[in-house]
Amino acid sequence: SLSTTASSKSSLVPAYRITEALQRADLSSSCTTCSNWF
């Protein structure tokens, strides 16, 4: 939904849709396995 190919009319996604996507994503609040990534 945030890709430039999501809409045939405009490649720029409105700001409210960006924030809405980030809120719906419910991203993790931890680094998970930060100490094991490297």
PDB file of all heavy atoms in Angstrom:
ATOM      1  N   SER A   1       0.811  -1.221   0.000  1.00  0.00           N
ATOM      2  CA  SER A   1       0.000   0.000   0.000  1.00  0.00           C
ATOM      3  C   SER A   1       0.842   1.269   0.000  1.00  0.00           C
ATOM      4  O   SER A   1       0.353   2.341  -0.388  1.00  0.00           O
ATOM      5  CB  SER A   1      -0.926   0.006   1.215  1.00  0.00           C
ATOM      6  OG  SER A   1      -0.184   0.116   2.424  1.00  0.00           O
ATOM      7  N   LEU A   2       2.102   1.156   0.432  1.00  0.00           N
ATOM      8  CA  LEU A   2       2.989   2.322   0.454  1.00  0.00           C
ATOM      9  C   LEU A   2       3.940   2.352  -0.727  1.00  0.00           C
ATOM     10  O   LEU A   2       4.829   3.206  -0.784  1.00  0.00           O
ATOM     11  CB  LEU A   2       3.803   2.329   1.759  1.00  0.00           C
ATOM     12  CG  LEU A   2       3.005   2.510   3.049  1.00  0.00           C
ATOM     13  CD1 LEU A   2       3.936   2.503   4.251  1.00  0.00           C
ATOM     14  CD2 LEU A   2       2.198   3.798   3.020  1.00  0.00           C
ATOM     15  N   SER A   3       3.771   1.440  -1.672  1.00  0.00           N
ATOM     16  CA  SER A   3       4.626   1.422  -2.856  1.00  0.00           C
ATOM     17  C   SER A   3       4.127   2.434  -3.877  1.00  0.00           C
ATOM     18  O   SER A   3       2.949   2.811  -3.888  1.00  0.00           O
ATOM     19  CB  SER A   3       4.658   0.019  -3.472  1.00  0.00           C
ATOM     20  OG  SER A   3       5.194  -0.928  -2.563  1.00  0.00           O
ATOM     21  N   THR A   4       5.015   2.857  -4.750  1.00  0.00           N
ATOM     22  CA  THR A   4       4.637   3.833  -5.783  1.00  0.00           C
ATOM     23  C   THR A   4       3.713   3.227  -6.819  1.00  0.00           C
ATOM     24  O   THR A   4       3.040   3.951  -7.550  1.00  0.00           O
ATOM     25  CB  THR A   4       5.897   4.363  -6.478  1.00  0.00           C
ATOM     26  OG1 THR A   4       6.644   3.252  -7.003  1.00  0.00           O
ATOM     27  CG2 THR A   4       6.772   5.131  -5.510  1.00  0.00           C
ATOM     28  N   THR A   5       3.667   1.911  -6.926  1.00  0.00           N
ATOM     29  CA  THR A   5       2.795   1.234  -7.891  1.00  0.00           C
ATOM     30  C   THR A   5       1.426   0.922  -7.317  1.00  0.00           C
ATOM     31  O   THR A   5       0.603   0.285  -7.975  1.00  0.00           O
ATOM     32  CB  THR A   5       3.454  -0.074  -8.356  1.00  0.00           C
ATOM     33  OG1 THR A   5       3.737  -0.893  -7.200  1.00  0.00           O
ATOM     34  CG2 THR A   5       4.747   0.201  -9.101  1.00  0.00           C
ATOM     35  N   ALA A   6       1.155   1.343  -6.066  1.00  0.00           N
ATOM     36  CA  ALA A   6      -0.138   1.036  -5.441  1.00  0.00           C
ATOM     37  C   ALA A   6      -1.274   1.796  -6.089  1.00  0.00           C
ATOM     38  O   ALA A   6      -2.415   1.339  -6.099  1.00  0.00           O
ATOM     39  CB  ALA A   6      -0.082   1.348  -3.948  1.00  0.00           C
ATOM     40  N   SER A   7      -1.004   2.965  -6.645  1.00  0.00           N
ATOM     41  CA  SER A   7      -2.035   3.791  -7.273  1.00  0.00           C
ATOM     42  C   SER A   7      -1.587   4.181  -8.666  1.00  0.00           C
ATOM     43  O   SER A   7      -0.426   4.539  -8.877  1.00  0.00           O
ATOM     44  CB  SER A   7      -2.314   5.047  -6.444  1.00  0.00           C
ATOM     45  OG  SER A   7      -3.222   5.893  -7.105  1.00  0.00           O
ATOM     46  N   SER A   8      -2.512   4.090  -9.629  1.00  0.00           N
ATOM     47  CA  SER A   8      -2.195   4.460 -11.007  1.00  0.00           C
ATOM     48  C   SER A   8      -2.249   5.958 -11.235  1.00  0.00           C
ATOM     49  O   SER A   8      -1.735   6.462 -12.228  1.00  0.00           O
ATOM     50  CB  SER A   8      -3.173   3.774 -11.974  1.00  0.00           C
ATOM     51  OG  SER A   8      -4.513   4.144 -11.667  1.00  0.00           O
ATOM     52  N   LYS A   9      -2.868   6.707 -10.291  1.00  0.00           N
ATOM     53  CA  LYS A   9      -3.027   8.150 -10.457  1.00  0.00           C
ATOM     54  C   LYS A   9      -1.855   8.930  -9.872  1.00  0.00           C
ATOM     55  O   LYS A   9      -1.426   9.919 -10.423  1.00  0.00           O
ATOM     56  CB  LYS A   9      -4.338   8.616  -9.811  1.00  0.00           C
ATOM     57  CG  LYS A   9      -5.586   8.038 -10.479  1.00  0.00           C
ATOM     58  CD  LYS A   9      -6.853   8.575  -9.831  1.00  0.00           C
ATOM     59  CE  LYS A   9      -8.094   8.023 -10.508  1.00  0.00           C
ATOM     60  NZ  LYS A   9      -9.340   8.534  -9.881  1.00  0.00           N
ATOM     61  N   SER A  10      -1.370   8.492  -8.716  1.00  0.00           N
ATOM     62  CA  SER A  10      -0.316   9.255  -8.045  1.00  0.00           C
ATOM     63  C   SER A  10       0.652   8.305  -7.387  1.00  0.00           C
ATOM     64  O   SER A  10       0.261   7.273  -6.829  1.00  0.00           O
ATOM     65  CB  SER A  10      -0.926  10.203  -7.007  1.00  0.00           C
ATOM     66  OG  SER A  10       0.086  10.872  -6.287  1.00  0.00           O
ATOM     67  N   SER A  11       1.947   8.647  -7.436  1.00  0.00           N
ATOM     68  CA  SER A  11       2.978   7.838  -6.801  1.00  0.00           C
ATOM     69  C   SER A  11       3.237   8.273  -5.377  1.00  0.00           C
ATOM     70  O   SER A  11       3.895   7.549  -4.630  1.00  0.00           O
ATOM     71  CB  SER A  11       4.281   7.927  -7.614  1.00  0.00           C
ATOM     72  OG  SER A  11       4.098   7.387  -8.904  1.00  0.00           O
ATOM     73  N   LEU A  12       2.759   9.455  -4.990  1.00  0.00           N
ATOM     74  CA  LEU A  12       2.952   9.956  -3.637  1.00  0.00           C
ATOM     75  C   LEU A  12       1.752   9.587  -2.770  1.00  0.00           C
ATOM     76  O   LEU A  12       0.607   9.905  -3.102  1.00  0.00           O
ATOM     77  CB  LEU A  12       3.144  11.476  -3.641  1.00  0.00           C
ATOM     78  CG  LEU A  12       4.419  11.999  -4.309  1.00  0.00           C
ATOM     79  CD1 LEU A  12       4.460  13.515  -4.248  1.00  0.00           C
ATOM     80  CD2 LEU A  12       5.659  11.415  -3.653  1.00  0.00           C
ATOM     81  N   VAL A  13       2.018   8.922  -1.668  1.00  0.00           N
ATOM     82  CA  VAL A  13       0.967   8.521  -0.742  1.00  0.00           C
ATOM     83  C   VAL A  13       0.713   9.668   0.234  1.00  0.00           C
ATOM     84  O   VAL A  13       1.668  10.241   0.772  1.00  0.00           O
ATOM     85  CB  VAL A  13       1.374   7.244   0.014  1.00  0.00           C
ATOM     86  CG1 VAL A  13       0.297   6.840   1.019  1.00  0.00           C
ATOM     87  CG2 VAL A  13       1.633   6.109  -0.970  1.00  0.00           C
ATOM     88  N   PRO A  14      -0.541  10.041   0.492  1.00  0.00           N
ATOM     89  CA  PRO A  14      -0.823  11.129   1.451  1.00  0.00           C
ATOM     90  C   PRO A  14      -0.274  10.818   2.829  1.00  0.00           C
ATOM     91  O   PRO A  14      -0.109   9.656   3.214  1.00  0.00           O
ATOM     92  CB  PRO A  14      -2.354  11.202   1.446  1.00  0.00           C
ATOM     93  CG  PRO A  14      -2.774  10.584   0.169  1.00  0.00           C
ATOM     94  CD  PRO A  14      -1.760   9.529  -0.144  1.00  0.00           C
ATOM     95  N   ALA A  15      -0.013  11.873   3.596  1.00  0.00           N
ATOM     96  CA  ALA A  15       0.591  11.707   4.926  1.00  0.00           C
ATOM     97  C   ALA A  15      -0.309  10.908   5.850  1.00  0.00           C
ATOM     98  O   ALA A  15       0.174  10.087   6.646  1.00  0.00           O
ATOM     99  CB  ALA A  15       0.900  13.077   5.525  1.00  0.00           C
ATOM    100  N   TYR A  16      -1.622  11.105   5.775  1.00  0.00           N
ATOM    101  CA  TYR A  16      -2.516  10.389   6.688  1.00  0.00           C
ATOM    102  C   TYR A  16      -2.501   8.891   6.410  1.00  0.00           C
ATOM    103  O   TYR A  16      -2.653   8.069   7.328  1.00  0.00           O
ATOM    104  CB  TYR A  16      -3.934  10.948   6.586  1.00  0.00           C
ATOM    105  CG  TYR A  16      -4.692  10.566   5.339  1.00  0.00           C
ATOM    106  CD1 TYR A  16      -5.490   9.428   5.314  1.00  0.00           C
ATOM    107  CD2 TYR A  16      -4.619  11.348   4.195  1.00  0.00           C
ATOM    108  CE1 TYR A  16      -6.196   9.073   4.178  1.00  0.00           C
ATOM    109  CE2 TYR A  16      -5.309  10.996   3.054  1.00  0.00           C
ATOM    110  CZ  TYR A  16      -6.096   9.866   3.049  1.00  0.00           C
ATOM    111  OH  TYR A  16      -6.782   9.510   1.920  1.00  0.00           O
ATOM    112  N   ARG A  17      -2.311   8.503   5.160  1.00  0.00           N
ATOM    113  CA  ARG A  17      -2.235   7.081   4.842  1.00  0.00           C
ATOM    114  C   ARG A  17      -0.925   6.475   5.321  1.00  0.00           C
ATOM    115  O   ARG A  17      -0.874   5.305   5.703  1.00  0.00           O
ATOM    116  CB  ARG A  17      -2.394   6.879   3.336  1.00  0.00           C
ATOM    117  CG  ARG A  17      -3.827   6.983   2.834  1.00  0.00           C
ATOM    118  CD  ARG A  17      -3.932   6.694   1.357  1.00  0.00           C
ATOM    119  NE  ARG A  17      -3.301   5.430   1.026  1.00  0.00           N
ATOM    120  CZ  ARG A  17      -3.039   5.042  -0.231  1.00  0.00           C
ATOM    121  NH1 ARG A  17      -3.344   5.856  -1.242  1.00  0.00           N
ATOM    122  NH2 ARG A  17      -2.473   3.882  -0.463  1.00  0.00           N
ATOM    123  N   ILE A  18       0.134   7.249   5.336  1.00  0.00           N
ATOM    124  CA  ILE A  18       1.417   6.750   5.848  1.00  0.00           C
ATOM    125  C   ILE A  18       1.305   6.481   7.341  1.00  0.00           C
ATOM    126  O   ILE A  18       1.689   5.411   7.831  1.00  0.00           O
ATOM    127  CB  ILE A  18       2.540   7.757   5.549  1.00  0.00           C
ATOM    128  CG1 ILE A  18       2.661   8.012   4.038  1.00  0.00           C
ATOM    129  CG2 ILE A  18       3.875   7.249   6.094  1.00  0.00           C
ATOM    130  CD1 ILE A  18       3.660   9.093   3.690  1.00  0.00           C
ATOM    131  N   THR A  19       0.781   7.458   8.083  1.00  0.00           N
ATOM    132  CA  THR A  19       0.630   7.275   9.532  1.00  0.00           C
ATOM    133  C   THR A  19      -0.369   6.162   9.845  1.00  0.00           C
ATOM    134  O   THR A  19      -0.186   5.401  10.809  1.00  0.00           O
ATOM    135  CB  THR A  19       0.164   8.590  10.173  1.00  0.00           C
ATOM    136  OG1 THR A  19      -1.063   9.019   9.540  1.00  0.00           O
ATOM    137  CG2 THR A  19       1.200   9.684   9.990  1.00  0.00           C
ATOM    138  N   GLU A  20      -1.396   6.041   9.041  1.00  0.00           N
ATOM    139  CA  GLU A  20      -2.374   4.969   9.258  1.00  0.00           C
ATOM    140  C   GLU A  20      -1.731   3.601   9.059  1.00  0.00           C
ATOM    141  O   GLU A  20      -1.974   2.664   9.842  1.00  0.00           O
ATOM    142  CB  GLU A  20      -3.553   5.145   8.297  1.00  0.00           C
ATOM    143  CG  GLU A  20      -4.633   4.088   8.451  1.00  0.00           C
ATOM    144  CD  GLU A  20      -5.760   4.263   7.442  1.00  0.00           C
ATOM    145  OE1 GLU A  20      -5.755   5.298   6.726  1.00  0.00           O
ATOM    146  OE2 GLU A  20      -6.628   3.378   7.363  1.00  0.00           O
ATOM    147  N   ALA A  21      -0.889   3.475   8.034  1.00  0.00           N
ATOM    148  CA  ALA A  21      -0.201   2.200   7.800  1.00  0.00           C
ATOM    149  C   ALA A  21       0.755   1.871   8.943  1.00  0.00           C
ATOM    150  O   ALA A  21       0.857   0.708   9.363  1.00  0.00           O
ATOM    151  CB  ALA A  21       0.550   2.260   6.474  1.00  0.00           C
ATOM    152  N   LEU A  22       1.445   2.871   9.455  1.00  0.00           N
ATOM    153  CA  LEU A  22       2.366   2.620  10.568  1.00  0.00           C
ATOM    154  C   LEU A  22       1.604   2.213  11.830  1.00  0.00           C
ATOM    155  O   LEU A  22       2.065   1.364  12.605  1.00  0.00           O
ATOM    156  CB  LEU A  22       3.197   3.883  10.840  1.00  0.00           C
ATOM    157  CG  LEU A  22       4.209   4.266   9.748  1.00  0.00           C
ATOM    158  CD1 LEU A  22       4.886   5.586  10.085  1.00  0.00           C
ATOM    159  CD2 LEU A  22       5.259   3.178   9.566  1.00  0.00           C
ATOM    160  N   GLN A  23       0.449   2.809  12.060  1.00  0.00           N
ATOM    161  CA  GLN A  23      -0.343   2.445  13.227  1.00  0.00           C
ATOM    162  C   GLN A  23      -0.924   1.038  13.092  1.00  0.00           C
ATOM    163  O   GLN A  23      -0.960   0.276  14.058  1.00  0.00           O
ATOM    164  CB  GLN A  23      -1.469   3.463  13.428  1.00  0.00           C
ATOM    165  CG  GLN A  23      -0.977   4.842  13.839  1.00  0.00           C
ATOM    166  CD  GLN A  23      -2.095   5.872  13.828  1.00  0.00           C
ATOM    167  OE1 GLN A  23      -3.229   5.574  13.467  1.00  0.00           O
ATOM    168  NE2 GLN A  23      -1.771   7.096  14.221  1.00  0.00           N
ATOM    169  N   ARG A  24      -1.358   0.680  11.917  1.00  0.00           N
ATOM    170  CA  ARG A  24      -1.908  -0.654  11.689  1.00  0.00           C
ATOM    171  C   ARG A  24      -0.837  -1.726  11.754  1.00  0.00           C
ATOM    172  O   ARG A  24      -1.144  -2.895  12.036  1.00  0.00           O
ATOM    173  CB  ARG A  24      -2.603  -0.700  10.330  1.00  0.00           C
ATOM    174  CG  ARG A  24      -3.887   0.112  10.237  1.00  0.00           C
ATOM    175  CD  ARG A  24      -4.420   0.097   8.821  1.00  0.00           C
ATOM    176  NE  ARG A  24      -4.626  -1.276   8.360  1.00  0.00           N
ATOM    177  CZ  ARG A  24      -4.866  -1.588   7.085  1.00  0.00           C
ATOM    178  NH1 ARG A  24      -4.892  -0.633   6.162  1.00  0.00           N
ATOM    179  NH2 ARG A  24      -5.053  -2.853   6.749  1.00  0.00           N
ATOM    180  N   ALA A  25       0.409  -1.339  11.484  1.00  0.00           N
ATOM    181  CA  ALA A  25       1.476  -2.334  11.475  1.00  0.00           C
ATOM    182  C   ALA A  25       1.771  -2.859  12.873  1.00  0.00           C
ATOM    183  O   ALA A  25       2.228  -4.000  13.026  1.00  0.00           O
ATOM    184  CB  ALA A  25       2.739  -1.741  10.856  1.00  0.00           C
ATOM    185  N   ASP A  26       1.544  -2.052  13.916  1.00  0.00           N
ATOM    186  CA  ASP A  26       1.822  -2.459  15.294  1.00  0.00           C
ATOM    187  C   ASP A  26       3.241  -3.023  15.406  1.00  0.00           C
ATOM    188  O   ASP A  26       3.458  -4.192  15.768  1.00  0.00           O
ATOM    189  CB  ASP A  26       0.795  -3.505  15.754  1.00  0.00           C
ATOM    190  CG  ASP A  26       0.872  -3.755  17.261  1.00  0.00           C
ATOM    191  OD1 ASP A  26       1.428  -2.895  17.975  1.00  0.00           O
ATOM    192  OD2 ASP A  26       0.402  -4.826  17.696  1.00  0.00           O
ATOM    193  N   LEU A  27       4.228  -2.168  15.074  1.00  0.00           N
ATOM    194  CA  LEU A  27       5.619  -2.612  15.019  1.00  0.00           C
ATOM    195  C   LEU A  27       6.135  -2.966  16.400  1.00  0.00           C
ATOM    196  O   LEU A  27       5.654  -2.469  17.427  1.00  0.00           O
ATOM    197  CB  LEU A  27       6.482  -1.503  14.400  1.00  0.00           C
ATOM    198  CG  LEU A  27       6.099  -1.100  12.970  1.00  0.00           C
ATOM    199  CD1 LEU A  27       6.954   0.061  12.505  1.00  0.00           C
ATOM    200  CD2 LEU A  27       6.229  -2.273  12.016  1.00  0.00           C
ATOM    201  N   SER A  28       7.127  -3.843  16.417  1.00  0.00           N
ATOM    202  CA  SER A  28       7.682  -4.340  17.679  1.00  0.00           C
ATOM    203  C   SER A  28       8.417  -3.230  18.409  1.00  0.00           C
ATOM    204  O   SER A  28       9.042  -2.356  17.792  1.00  0.00           O
ATOM    205  CB  SER A  28       8.628  -5.508  17.411  1.00  0.00           C
ATOM    206  OG  SER A  28       9.682  -5.109  16.565  1.00  0.00           O
ATOM    207  N   SER A  29       8.337  -3.255  19.709  1.00  0.00           N
ATOM    208  CA  SER A  29       8.990  -2.245  20.550  1.00  0.00           C
ATOM    209  C   SER A  29      10.258  -2.780  21.188  1.00  0.00           C
ATOM    210  O   SER A  29      10.717  -2.252  22.198  1.00  0.00           O
ATOM    211  CB  SER A  29       8.020  -1.773  21.637  1.00  0.00           C
ATOM    212  OG  SER A  29       7.588  -2.883  22.425  1.00  0.00           O
ATOM    213  N   SER A  30      10.817  -3.824  20.624  1.00  0.00           N
ATOM    214  CA  SER A  30      12.081  -4.383  21.117  1.00  0.00           C
ATOM    215  C   SER A  30      12.953  -4.740  19.938  1.00  0.00           C
ATOM    216  O   SER A  30      12.491  -4.795  18.794  1.00  0.00           O
ATOM    217  CB  SER A  30      11.821  -5.627  21.973  1.00  0.00           C
ATOM    218  OG  SER A  30      11.244  -6.654  21.178  1.00  0.00           O
ATOM    219  N   CYS A  31      14.223  -4.979  20.225  1.00  0.00           N
ATOM    220  CA  CYS A  31      15.166  -5.321  19.167  1.00  0.00           C
ATOM    221  C   CYS A  31      15.189  -6.819  18.890  1.00  0.00           C
ATOM    222  O   CYS A  31      15.997  -7.298  18.095  1.00  0.00           O
ATOM    223  CB  CYS A  31      16.578  -4.867  19.540  1.00  0.00           C
ATOM    224  SG  CYS A  31      16.700  -3.090  19.796  1.00  0.00           S
ATOM    225  N   THR A  32      14.301  -7.565  19.519  1.00  0.00           N
ATOM    226  CA  THR A  32      14.180  -9.005  19.341  1.00  0.00           C
ATOM    227  C   THR A  32      15.491  -9.693  19.679  1.00  0.00           C
ATOM    228  O   THR A  32      15.810  -9.919  20.822  1.00  0.00           O
ATOM    229  CB  THR A  32      13.736  -9.339  17.908  1.00  0.00           C
ATOM    230  OG1 THR A  32      12.661  -8.488  17.555  1.00  0.00           O
ATOM    231  CG2 THR A  32      13.245 -10.778  17.830  1.00  0.00           C
ATOM    232  N   THR A  33      16.277  -9.984  18.683  1.00  0.00           N
ATOM    233  CA  THR A  33      17.558 -10.680  18.896  1.00  0.00           C
ATOM    234  C   THR A  33      18.703  -9.773  18.526  1.00  0.00           C
ATOM    235  O   THR A  33      19.592 -10.157  17.774  1.00  0.00           O
ATOM    236  CB  THR A  33      17.600 -11.970  18.063  1.00  0.00           C
ATOM    237  OG1 THR A  33      17.389 -11.638  16.699  1.00  0.00           O
ATOM    238  CG2 THR A  33      16.543 -12.961  18.512  1.00  0.00           C
ATOM    239  N   CYS A  34      18.680  -8.557  19.071  1.00  0.00           N
ATOM    240  CA  CYS A  34      19.712  -7.584  18.703  1.00  0.00           C
ATOM    241  C   CYS A  34      21.100  -8.134  18.977  1.00  0.00           C
ATOM    242  O   CYS A  34      22.017  -7.951  18.183  1.00  0.00           O
ATOM    243  CB  CYS A  34      19.517  -6.281  19.472  1.00  0.00           C
ATOM    244  SG  CYS A  34      18.008  -5.393  19.031  1.00  0.00           S
ATOM    245  N   SER A  35      21.250  -8.808  20.116  1.00  0.00           N
ATOM    246  CA  SER A  35      22.585  -9.256  20.480  1.00  0.00           C
ATOM    247  C   SER A  35      23.074 -10.383  19.605  1.00  0.00           C
ATOM    248  O   SER A  35      24.266 -10.664  19.560  1.00  0.00           O
ATOM    249  CB  SER A  35      22.589  -9.721  21.945  1.00  0.00           C
ATOM    250  OG  SER A  35      21.638 -10.769  22.122  1.00  0.00           O
ATOM    251  N   ASN A  36      22.136 -11.045  18.887  1.00  0.00           N
ATOM    252  CA  ASN A  36      22.543 -12.170  18.057  1.00  0.00           C
ATOM    253  C   ASN A  36      22.552 -11.833  16.572  1.00  0.00           C
ATOM    254  O   ASN A  36      22.796 -12.703  15.748  1.00  0.00           O
ATOM    255  CB  ASN A  36      21.590 -13.366  18.290  1.00  0.00           C
ATOM    256  CG  ASN A  36      21.645 -13.859  19.709  1.00  0.00           C
ATOM    257  OD1 ASN A  36      22.701 -13.823  20.319  1.00  0.00           O
ATOM    258  ND2 ASN A  36      20.505 -14.327  20.236  1.00  0.00           N
ATOM    259  N   TRP A  37      22.234 -10.607  16.240  1.00  0.00           N
ATOM    260  CA  TRP A  37      22.169 -10.257  14.821  1.00  0.00           C
ATOM    261  C   TRP A  37      23.539 -10.266  14.187  1.00  0.00           C
ATOM    262  O   TRP A  37      23.660 -10.485  12.987  1.00  0.00           O
ATOM    263  CB  TRP A  37      21.520  -8.878  14.634  1.00  0.00           C
ATOM    264  CG  TRP A  37      20.041  -8.948  14.777  1.00  0.00           C
ATOM    265  CD1 TRP A  37      19.292 -10.044  15.004  1.00  0.00           C
ATOM    266  CD2 TRP A  37      19.149  -7.852  14.721  1.00  0.00           C
ATOM    267  NE1 TRP A  37      17.992  -9.739  15.101  1.00  0.00           N
ATOM    268  CE2 TRP A  37      17.853  -8.374  14.923  1.00  0.00           C
ATOM    269  CE3 TRP A  37      19.306  -6.486  14.534  1.00  0.00           C
ATOM    270  CZ2 TRP A  37      16.739  -7.587  14.935  1.00  0.00           C
ATOM    271  CZ3 TRP A  37      18.199  -5.703  14.536  1.00  0.00           C
ATOM    272  CH2 TRP A  37      16.920  -6.247  14.731  1.00  0.00           C
ATOM    273  N   PHE A  38      24.553  -9.977  14.937  1.00  0.00           N
ATOM    274  CA  PHE A  38      25.891  -9.924  14.368  1.00  0.00           C
ATOM    275  C   PHE A  38      26.766 -10.939  15.101  1.00  0.00           C
ATOM    276  O   PHE A  38      27.319 -10.648  16.145  1.00  0.00           O
ATOM    277  CB  PHE A  38      26.495  -8.523  14.483  1.00  0.00           C
ATOM    278  CG  PHE A  38      25.845  -7.556  13.556  1.00  0.00           C
ATOM    279  CD1 PHE A  38      24.740  -6.827  13.974  1.00  0.00           C
ATOM    280  CD2 PHE A  38      26.293  -7.403  12.275  1.00  0.00           C
ATOM    281  CE1 PHE A  38      24.124  -5.955  13.124  1.00  0.00           C
ATOM    282  CE2 PHE A  38      25.671  -6.520  11.418  1.00  0.00           C
ATOM    283  CZ  PHE A  38      24.592  -5.789  11.837  1.00  0.00           C
TER     284      PHE A  38
END
